[in-house]
Amino acid sequence: LSGRFPSAQTELNRFDLVVLYDPDPADLSGREEILRSYLSEKGGSIWVLMGPQFASRGPVEWFNNLLPFFQSTPRPVQYVEQRAQPVESQLLHPAVRLAENQTGIREKWAALPPFHLVVPCDQIAPEGVVLAESSWRTPEGALPVLGYRRHGPGKVFASAVLPFWPWGFVNFGFGEDDAVYRTFAEGAVGWLTVKDDFDPIRVRPEKEVFTRGEPVTFNGFAFDLGYRPLPGVTGAVALQGGPA
């Protein structure tokens, strides 16, 4: 889709995830309604990677209303070296969980190559969830740099720092691999595209319609706070009600 954006709802709804890299919200003028419908009705997801072009446009109210955090007044990007520090209460979120335990997660984030650009966002939406903050401090305090906001079944994920590529390439320079970068990308994209992440316990019938006399079977799933399957969980299902 490089260079264009779908003009029809049916075309946009083909996708589970749309990534907007350093978008100019003015270029999306006229797409407000299909974006809102894509989120709240289709249950799609959007990842907004903010950058210089986004910041130079300044606040656009309808687009801000989609984001977890945003600029209330025009503020240029800041080219300053800084790291992202995960919020303690969000350490097990799939986009933050770079290791298996909380100590390891903190260590992984502290060891990541620094970012060199931040879009200063001074407002956090009431429904916004901040996953990570910048280590670079402003008079207003820590800046949000990673977070999300739900719109019904849809999600908008936003990052206000660049670049991410050193997370993978710098390690190659030291003879290592890009496992941390892949863990981040797969965790974020996996969470954005999963449809049923509201309930950590899910029970579903094996199929929609059963024939008379056929055993009714259910599949159950249990997940931890990082939406990873928990093995060995058992439970019971009780059916109530009579013929329709």
C-alpha atoms as a PDB file:
ATOM      1  CA  LEU A   1       0.000   0.000   0.000  1.00  0.00           C
ATOM      2  CA  SER A   2       3.038   2.282  -0.123  1.00  0.00           C
ATOM      3  CA  GLY A   3       2.158   5.690  -1.505  1.00  0.00           C
ATOM      4  CA  ARG A   4      -1.593   5.381  -1.176  1.00  0.00           C
ATOM      5  CA  PHE A   5      -4.307   4.659   1.330  1.00  0.00           C
ATOM      6  CA  PRO A   6      -7.530   2.701   0.668  1.00  0.00           C
ATOM      7  CA  SER A   7     -10.466   4.918  -0.208  1.00  0.00           C
ATOM      8  CA  ALA A   8     -13.102   2.223   0.323  1.00  0.00           C
ATOM      9  CA  GLN A   9     -14.107   0.526   3.575  1.00  0.00           C
ATOM     10  CA  THR A  10     -14.119  -2.921   1.983  1.00  0.00           C
ATOM     11  CA  GLU A  11     -10.535  -2.519   0.800  1.00  0.00           C
ATOM     12  CA  LEU A  12      -9.270  -1.343   4.180  1.00  0.00           C
ATOM     13  CA  ASN A  13     -11.110  -4.140   5.990  1.00  0.00           C
ATOM     14  CA  ARG A  14      -9.022  -6.728   4.144  1.00  0.00           C
ATOM     15  CA  PHE A  15      -6.156  -5.968   6.505  1.00  0.00           C
ATOM     16  CA  ASP A  16      -5.736  -6.963  10.153  1.00  0.00           C
ATOM     17  CA  LEU A  17      -3.036  -4.338  10.749  1.00  0.00           C
ATOM     18  CA  VAL A  18      -2.171  -1.034   9.083  1.00  0.00           C
ATOM     19  CA  VAL A  19       1.246   0.512   9.803  1.00  0.00           C
ATOM     20  CA  LEU A  20       1.500   4.277   9.322  1.00  0.00           C
ATOM     21  CA  TYR A  21       5.167   5.282   9.215  1.00  0.00           C
ATOM     22  CA  ASP A  22       5.646   8.969  10.060  1.00  0.00           C
ATOM     23  CA  PRO A  23       2.245   9.915   8.646  1.00  0.00           C
ATOM     24  CA  ASP A  24       1.046  13.406   7.846  1.00  0.00           C
ATOM     25  CA  PRO A  25      -2.550  13.335   9.155  1.00  0.00           C
ATOM     26  CA  ALA A  26      -3.495  15.867   6.478  1.00  0.00           C
ATOM     27  CA  ASP A  27      -2.830  13.175   3.855  1.00  0.00           C
ATOM     28  CA  LEU A  28      -5.518  11.069   5.536  1.00  0.00           C
ATOM     29  CA  SER A  29      -8.131  13.812   5.342  1.00  0.00           C
ATOM     30  CA  GLY A  30     -11.408  12.302   4.194  1.00  0.00           C
ATOM     31  CA  ARG A  31     -10.496   8.892   5.638  1.00  0.00           C
ATOM     32  CA  GLU A  32     -11.665   9.650   9.184  1.00  0.00           C
ATOM     33  CA  GLU A  33     -14.872   7.643   9.035  1.00  0.00           C
ATOM     34  CA  ILE A  34     -13.424   4.540   7.411  1.00  0.00           C
ATOM     35  CA  LEU A  35     -10.572   4.531   9.951  1.00  0.00           C
ATOM     36  CA  ARG A  36     -12.997   4.774  12.864  1.00  0.00           C
ATOM     37  CA  SER A  37     -15.174   2.049  11.379  1.00  0.00           C
ATOM     38  CA  TYR A  38     -12.109  -0.107  10.696  1.00  0.00           C
ATOM     39  CA  LEU A  39     -11.235   0.080  14.395  1.00  0.00           C
ATOM     40  CA  SER A  40     -14.608  -0.005  16.140  1.00  0.00           C
ATOM     41  CA  GLU A  41     -16.534  -2.298  13.781  1.00  0.00           C
ATOM     42  CA  LYS A  42     -14.004  -4.439  11.943  1.00  0.00           C
ATOM     43  CA  GLY A  43     -11.734  -4.676  14.982  1.00  0.00           C
ATOM     44  CA  GLY A  44      -8.640  -3.757  13.002  1.00  0.00           C
ATOM     45  CA  SER A  45      -5.407  -2.366  14.399  1.00  0.00           C
ATOM     46  CA  ILE A  46      -3.186   0.566  13.484  1.00  0.00           C
ATOM     47  CA  TRP A  47       0.472   1.122  14.403  1.00  0.00           C
ATOM     48  CA  VAL A  48       1.476   4.787  14.169  1.00  0.00           C
ATOM     49  CA  LEU A  49       5.235   5.385  14.101  1.00  0.00           C
ATOM     50  CA  MET A  50       5.577   9.117  14.737  1.00  0.00           C
ATOM     51  CA  GLY A  51       8.437  11.033  13.159  1.00  0.00           C
ATOM     52  CA  PRO A  52       9.514  14.459  11.806  1.00  0.00           C
ATOM     53  CA  GLN A  53       6.704  14.747   9.274  1.00  0.00           C
ATOM     54  CA  PHE A  54       4.070  13.883  11.878  1.00  0.00           C
ATOM     55  CA  ALA A  55       5.464  16.466  14.318  1.00  0.00           C
ATOM     56  CA  SER A  56       5.793  19.221  11.701  1.00  0.00           C
ATOM     57  CA  ARG A  57       2.096  18.960  10.845  1.00  0.00           C
ATOM     58  CA  GLY A  58       1.109  19.865  14.386  1.00  0.00           C
ATOM     59  CA  PRO A  59      -2.027  18.697  16.206  1.00  0.00           C
ATOM     60  CA  VAL A  60      -4.907  17.367  14.099  1.00  0.00           C
ATOM     61  CA  GLU A  61      -7.852  16.855  16.427  1.00  0.00           C
ATOM     62  CA  TRP A  62      -9.582  13.910  14.748  1.00  0.00           C
ATOM     63  CA  PHE A  63      -6.288  12.008  14.455  1.00  0.00           C
ATOM     64  CA  ASN A  64      -5.332  12.828  18.048  1.00  0.00           C
ATOM     65  CA  ASN A  65      -8.644  11.289  19.095  1.00  0.00           C
ATOM     66  CA  LEU A  66      -7.341   7.946  17.831  1.00  0.00           C
ATOM     67  CA  LEU A  67      -3.990   8.079  19.630  1.00  0.00           C
ATOM     68  CA  PRO A  68      -2.975   7.063  23.183  1.00  0.00           C
ATOM     69  CA  PHE A  69      -0.827  10.217  23.466  1.00  0.00           C
ATOM     70  CA  PHE A  70      -0.343  13.260  21.272  1.00  0.00           C
ATOM     71  CA  GLN A  71       0.859  16.857  20.942  1.00  0.00           C
ATOM     72  CA  SER A  72      -1.548  19.550  22.137  1.00  0.00           C
ATOM     73  CA  THR A  73       0.552  22.299  20.513  1.00  0.00           C
ATOM     74  CA  PRO A  74       3.080  22.183  17.646  1.00  0.00           C
ATOM     75  CA  ARG A  75       6.412  20.953  18.973  1.00  0.00           C
ATOM     76  CA  PRO A  76       9.342  19.986  16.732  1.00  0.00           C
ATOM     77  CA  VAL A  77      11.039  16.641  17.079  1.00  0.00           C
ATOM     78  CA  GLN A  78      13.970  16.534  19.465  1.00  0.00           C
ATOM     79  CA  TYR A  79      17.158  14.922  18.195  1.00  0.00           C
ATOM     80  CA  VAL A  80      18.479  13.693  21.489  1.00  0.00           C
ATOM     81  CA  GLU A  81      19.927  10.348  22.519  1.00  0.00           C
ATOM     82  CA  GLN A  82      17.640   8.548  24.917  1.00  0.00           C
ATOM     83  CA  ARG A  83      16.360   5.117  25.888  1.00  0.00           C
ATOM     84  CA  ALA A  84      12.853   3.845  26.429  1.00  0.00           C
ATOM     85  CA  GLN A  85      12.047   2.730  29.960  1.00  0.00           C
ATOM     86  CA  PRO A  86       9.100   0.338  30.340  1.00  0.00           C
ATOM     87  CA  VAL A  87       6.376   1.260  32.822  1.00  0.00           C
ATOM     88  CA  GLU A  88       6.547  -1.156  35.757  1.00  0.00           C
ATOM     89  CA  SER A  89       2.864  -2.065  35.621  1.00  0.00           C
ATOM     90  CA  GLN A  90       3.189  -2.981  31.920  1.00  0.00           C
ATOM     91  CA  LEU A  91       6.274  -5.193  32.016  1.00  0.00           C
ATOM     92  CA  LEU A  92       4.342  -8.275  30.883  1.00  0.00           C
ATOM     93  CA  HIS A  93       2.628  -6.629  27.939  1.00  0.00           C
ATOM     94  CA  PRO A  94       3.630  -8.494  24.744  1.00  0.00           C
ATOM     95  CA  ALA A  95       5.220  -5.366  23.213  1.00  0.00           C
ATOM     96  CA  VAL A  96       7.355  -4.897  26.330  1.00  0.00           C
ATOM     97  CA  ARG A  97       8.087  -8.469  27.337  1.00  0.00           C
ATOM     98  CA  LEU A  98      11.571  -9.015  25.910  1.00  0.00           C
ATOM     99  CA  ALA A  99      12.459 -11.741  28.437  1.00  0.00           C
ATOM    100  CA  GLU A 100      10.719 -14.386  30.515  1.00  0.00           C
ATOM    101  CA  ASN A 101      10.780 -12.621  33.882  1.00  0.00           C
ATOM    102  CA  GLN A 102      10.534  -9.049  35.099  1.00  0.00           C
ATOM    103  CA  THR A 103      14.213  -8.740  36.033  1.00  0.00           C
ATOM    104  CA  GLY A 104      15.240  -9.962  32.601  1.00  0.00           C
ATOM    105  CA  ILE A 105      12.806  -7.573  30.913  1.00  0.00           C
ATOM    106  CA  ARG A 106      14.301  -4.574  32.725  1.00  0.00           C
ATOM    107  CA  GLU A 107      17.821  -5.699  31.821  1.00  0.00           C
ATOM    108  CA  LYS A 108      16.970  -6.173  28.141  1.00  0.00           C
ATOM    109  CA  TRP A 109      15.452  -2.694  27.843  1.00  0.00           C
ATOM    110  CA  ALA A 110      18.384  -1.087  29.651  1.00  0.00           C
ATOM    111  CA  ALA A 111      20.841  -2.760  27.262  1.00  0.00           C
ATOM    112  CA  LEU A 112      19.077  -1.716  24.036  1.00  0.00           C
ATOM    113  CA  PRO A 113      20.771   0.774  21.689  1.00  0.00           C
ATOM    114  CA  PRO A 114      19.459   4.303  22.263  1.00  0.00           C
ATOM    115  CA  PHE A 115      16.955   6.138  20.116  1.00  0.00           C
ATOM    116  CA  HIS A 116      18.009   9.426  18.506  1.00  0.00           C
ATOM    117  CA  LEU A 117      14.687  11.125  17.871  1.00  0.00           C
ATOM    118  CA  VAL A 118      11.620  11.727  19.994  1.00  0.00           C
ATOM    119  CA  VAL A 119       8.311  13.397  19.140  1.00  0.00           C
ATOM    120  CA  PRO A 120       7.417  15.294  22.350  1.00  0.00           C
ATOM    121  CA  CYS A 121       3.855  14.328  23.233  1.00  0.00           C
ATOM    122  CA  ASP A 122       2.550  16.333  26.176  1.00  0.00           C
ATOM    123  CA  GLN A 123      -0.953  14.860  26.388  1.00  0.00           C
ATOM    124  CA  ILE A 124      -2.059  11.355  27.339  1.00  0.00           C
ATOM    125  CA  ALA A 125      -5.605  10.418  26.339  1.00  0.00           C
ATOM    126  CA  PRO A 126      -7.908   9.346  29.193  1.00  0.00           C
ATOM    127  CA  GLU A 127      -8.228   5.948  27.486  1.00  0.00           C
ATOM    128  CA  GLY A 128      -4.530   5.794  26.597  1.00  0.00           C
ATOM    129  CA  VAL A 129      -2.162   3.266  28.168  1.00  0.00           C
ATOM    130  CA  VAL A 130       1.536   4.177  28.331  1.00  0.00           C
ATOM    131  CA  LEU A 131       3.848   1.180  27.983  1.00  0.00           C
ATOM    132  CA  ALA A 132       7.209   2.980  28.020  1.00  0.00           C
ATOM    133  CA  GLU A 133       8.596   6.439  28.738  1.00  0.00           C
ATOM    134  CA  SER A 134      11.670   8.285  27.503  1.00  0.00           C
ATOM    135  CA  SER A 135      14.746   8.470  29.714  1.00  0.00           C
ATOM    136  CA  TRP A 136      15.136  12.040  28.435  1.00  0.00           C
ATOM    137  CA  ARG A 137      13.413  14.340  30.890  1.00  0.00           C
ATOM    138  CA  THR A 138      11.605  17.586  30.071  1.00  0.00           C
ATOM    139  CA  PRO A 139      10.257  20.272  32.436  1.00  0.00           C
ATOM    140  CA  GLU A 140       6.917  18.442  32.188  1.00  0.00           C
ATOM    141  CA  GLY A 141       8.540  15.164  33.234  1.00  0.00           C
ATOM    142  CA  ALA A 142       8.913  11.888  31.353  1.00  0.00           C
ATOM    143  CA  LEU A 143       7.543  11.721  27.822  1.00  0.00           C
ATOM    144  CA  PRO A 144       5.421   8.759  26.706  1.00  0.00           C
ATOM    145  CA  VAL A 145       7.067   6.953  23.805  1.00  0.00           C
ATOM    146  CA  LEU A 146       5.180   3.675  23.511  1.00  0.00           C
ATOM    147  CA  GLY A 147       1.514   3.005  24.219  1.00  0.00           C
ATOM    148  CA  TYR A 148      -1.887   2.002  22.957  1.00  0.00           C
ATOM    149  CA  ARG A 149      -5.551   2.941  22.979  1.00  0.00           C
ATOM    150  CA  ARG A 150      -8.561   0.740  22.391  1.00  0.00           C
ATOM    151  CA  HIS A 151     -11.473   1.646  20.149  1.00  0.00           C
ATOM    152  CA  GLY A 152     -13.993  -1.077  20.843  1.00  0.00           C
ATOM    153  CA  PRO A 153     -12.390  -4.271  19.513  1.00  0.00           C
ATOM    154  CA  GLY A 154      -9.792  -2.241  17.585  1.00  0.00           C
ATOM    155  CA  LYS A 155      -6.436  -0.971  18.827  1.00  0.00           C
ATOM    156  CA  VAL A 156      -4.144   1.919  17.988  1.00  0.00           C
ATOM    157  CA  PHE A 157      -0.505   1.348  18.953  1.00  0.00           C
ATOM    158  CA  ALA A 158       1.814   4.360  18.867  1.00  0.00           C
ATOM    159  CA  SER A 159       5.558   4.923  19.138  1.00  0.00           C
ATOM    160  CA  ALA A 160       7.088   8.390  19.419  1.00  0.00           C
ATOM    161  CA  VAL A 161      10.770   7.443  19.041  1.00  0.00           C
ATOM    162  CA  LEU A 162      12.997   6.452  16.130  1.00  0.00           C
ATOM    163  CA  PRO A 163      14.867   4.526  14.853  1.00  0.00           C
ATOM    164  CA  PHE A 164      14.145   0.905  15.796  1.00  0.00           C
ATOM    165  CA  TRP A 165      16.514  -0.724  13.303  1.00  0.00           C
ATOM    166  CA  PRO A 166      19.619  -0.497  15.588  1.00  0.00           C
ATOM    167  CA  TRP A 167      17.924  -3.009  17.914  1.00  0.00           C
ATOM    168  CA  GLY A 168      18.723  -5.628  15.303  1.00  0.00           C
ATOM    169  CA  PHE A 169      21.637  -4.308  13.274  1.00  0.00           C
ATOM    170  CA  VAL A 170      23.888  -3.204  16.136  1.00  0.00           C
ATOM    171  CA  ASN A 171      23.849  -6.736  17.538  1.00  0.00           C
ATOM    172  CA  PHE A 172      24.949  -8.111  14.166  1.00  0.00           C
ATOM    173  CA  GLY A 173      27.997  -5.846  14.419  1.00  0.00           C
ATOM    174  CA  PHE A 174      28.992  -7.624  17.630  1.00  0.00           C
ATOM    175  CA  GLY A 175      28.494 -11.084  16.171  1.00  0.00           C
ATOM    176  CA  GLU A 176      25.112 -11.588  17.837  1.00  0.00           C
ATOM    177  CA  ASP A 177      21.624 -11.957  16.375  1.00  0.00           C
ATOM    178  CA  ASP A 178      18.524  -9.770  16.191  1.00  0.00           C
ATOM    179  CA  ALA A 179      16.505 -11.858  18.663  1.00  0.00           C
ATOM    180  CA  VAL A 180      15.477  -8.868  20.816  1.00  0.00           C
ATOM    181  CA  TYR A 181      14.263  -6.893  17.808  1.00  0.00           C
ATOM    182  CA  ARG A 182      12.285  -9.873  16.545  1.00  0.00           C
ATOM    183  CA  THR A 183      10.809 -10.497  19.999  1.00  0.00           C
ATOM    184  CA  PHE A 184       9.617  -6.903  20.156  1.00  0.00           C
ATOM    185  CA  ALA A 185       8.187  -6.866  16.635  1.00  0.00           C
ATOM    186  CA  GLU A 186       6.509 -10.251  16.938  1.00  0.00           C
ATOM    187  CA  GLY A 187       5.110  -9.411  20.381  1.00  0.00           C
ATOM    188  CA  ALA A 188       3.676  -6.085  19.240  1.00  0.00           C
ATOM    189  CA  VAL A 189       2.266  -7.365  15.950  1.00  0.00           C
ATOM    190  CA  GLY A 190       0.963 -10.566  17.527  1.00  0.00           C
ATOM    191  CA  TRP A 191      -0.905  -8.603  20.181  1.00  0.00           C
ATOM    192  CA  LEU A 192      -2.268  -6.117  17.652  1.00  0.00           C
ATOM    193  CA  THR A 193      -3.653  -8.839  15.408  1.00  0.00           C
ATOM    194  CA  VAL A 194      -5.091 -11.212  18.028  1.00  0.00           C
ATOM    195  CA  LYS A 195      -8.838 -10.702  18.260  1.00  0.00           C
ATOM    196  CA  ASP A 196      -9.682 -12.070  21.701  1.00  0.00           C
ATOM    197  CA  ASP A 197      -7.147 -10.642  24.107  1.00  0.00           C
ATOM    198  CA  PHE A 198      -9.703  -9.159  26.541  1.00  0.00           C
ATOM    199  CA  ASP A 199     -10.272 -12.348  28.548  1.00  0.00           C
ATOM    200  CA  PRO A 200      -7.310 -14.456  29.722  1.00  0.00           C
ATOM    201  CA  ILE A 201      -9.620 -17.496  29.900  1.00  0.00           C
ATOM    202  CA  ARG A 202     -11.549 -18.443  26.752  1.00  0.00           C
ATOM    203  CA  VAL A 203     -13.922 -21.353  26.233  1.00  0.00           C
ATOM    204  CA  ARG A 204     -15.448 -22.023  22.825  1.00  0.00           C
ATOM    205  CA  PRO A 205     -17.525 -24.825  21.303  1.00  0.00           C
ATOM    206  CA  GLU A 206     -15.586 -26.892  18.806  1.00  0.00           C
ATOM    207  CA  LYS A 207     -18.017 -25.834  16.066  1.00  0.00           C
ATOM    208  CA  GLU A 208     -21.085 -23.658  15.631  1.00  0.00           C
ATOM    209  CA  VAL A 209     -23.713 -26.349  14.952  1.00  0.00           C
ATOM    210  CA  PHE A 210     -23.933 -29.898  16.303  1.00  0.00           C
ATOM    211  CA  THR A 211     -26.216 -32.673  15.048  1.00  0.00           C
ATOM    212  CA  ARG A 212     -28.773 -34.407  17.295  1.00  0.00           C
ATOM    213  CA  GLY A 213     -27.113 -36.902  19.609  1.00  0.00           C
ATOM    214  CA  GLU A 214     -23.607 -35.679  18.834  1.00  0.00           C
ATOM    215  CA  PRO A 215     -21.346 -34.961  21.821  1.00  0.00           C
ATOM    216  CA  VAL A 216     -20.890 -31.216  22.339  1.00  0.00           C
ATOM    217  CA  THR A 217     -17.199 -30.522  22.819  1.00  0.00           C
ATOM    218  CA  PHE A 218     -15.457 -27.335  23.916  1.00  0.00           C
ATOM    219  CA  ASN A 219     -11.943 -26.016  23.585  1.00  0.00           C
ATOM    220  CA  GLY A 220     -10.526 -23.998  26.464  1.00  0.00           C
ATOM    221  CA  PHE A 221      -7.518 -21.688  26.555  1.00  0.00           C
ATOM    222  CA  ALA A 222      -5.755 -19.914  29.407  1.00  0.00           C
ATOM    223  CA  PHE A 223      -3.170 -17.150  28.952  1.00  0.00           C
ATOM    224  CA  ASP A 224      -0.837 -15.245  31.254  1.00  0.00           C
ATOM    225  CA  LEU A 225      -0.620 -11.443  31.371  1.00  0.00           C
ATOM    226  CA  GLY A 226       1.628 -11.504  28.323  1.00  0.00           C
ATOM    227  CA  TYR A 227      -1.030 -13.446  26.351  1.00  0.00           C
ATOM    228  CA  ARG A 228       1.116 -16.562  26.277  1.00  0.00           C
ATOM    229  CA  PRO A 229      -0.587 -19.973  26.664  1.00  0.00           C
ATOM    230  CA  LEU A 230      -0.544 -21.605  30.091  1.00  0.00           C
ATOM    231  CA  PRO A 231      -0.187 -25.388  29.784  1.00  0.00           C
ATOM    232  CA  GLY A 232      -1.900 -27.901  32.028  1.00  0.00           C
ATOM    233  CA  VAL A 233      -4.902 -25.766  32.989  1.00  0.00           C
ATOM    234  CA  THR A 234      -8.130 -27.702  33.633  1.00  0.00           C
ATOM    235  CA  GLY A 235     -11.730 -26.614  34.081  1.00  0.00           C
ATOM    236  CA  ALA A 236     -15.389 -27.539  33.645  1.00  0.00           C
ATOM    237  CA  VAL A 237     -18.258 -26.269  31.489  1.00  0.00           C
ATOM    238  CA  ALA A 238     -21.887 -26.220  32.651  1.00  0.00           C
ATOM    239  CA  LEU A 239     -24.656 -25.882  30.034  1.00  0.00           C
ATOM    240  CA  GLN A 240     -27.961 -24.258  30.990  1.00  0.00           C
ATOM    241  CA  GLY A 241     -31.190 -23.527  29.129  1.00  0.00           C
ATOM    242  CA  GLY A 242     -33.687 -25.455  27.041  1.00  0.00           C
ATOM    243  CA  PRO A 243     -34.757 -25.698  23.413  1.00  0.00           C
ATOM    244  CA  ALA A 244     -35.024 -22.421  21.534  1.00  0.00           C
END
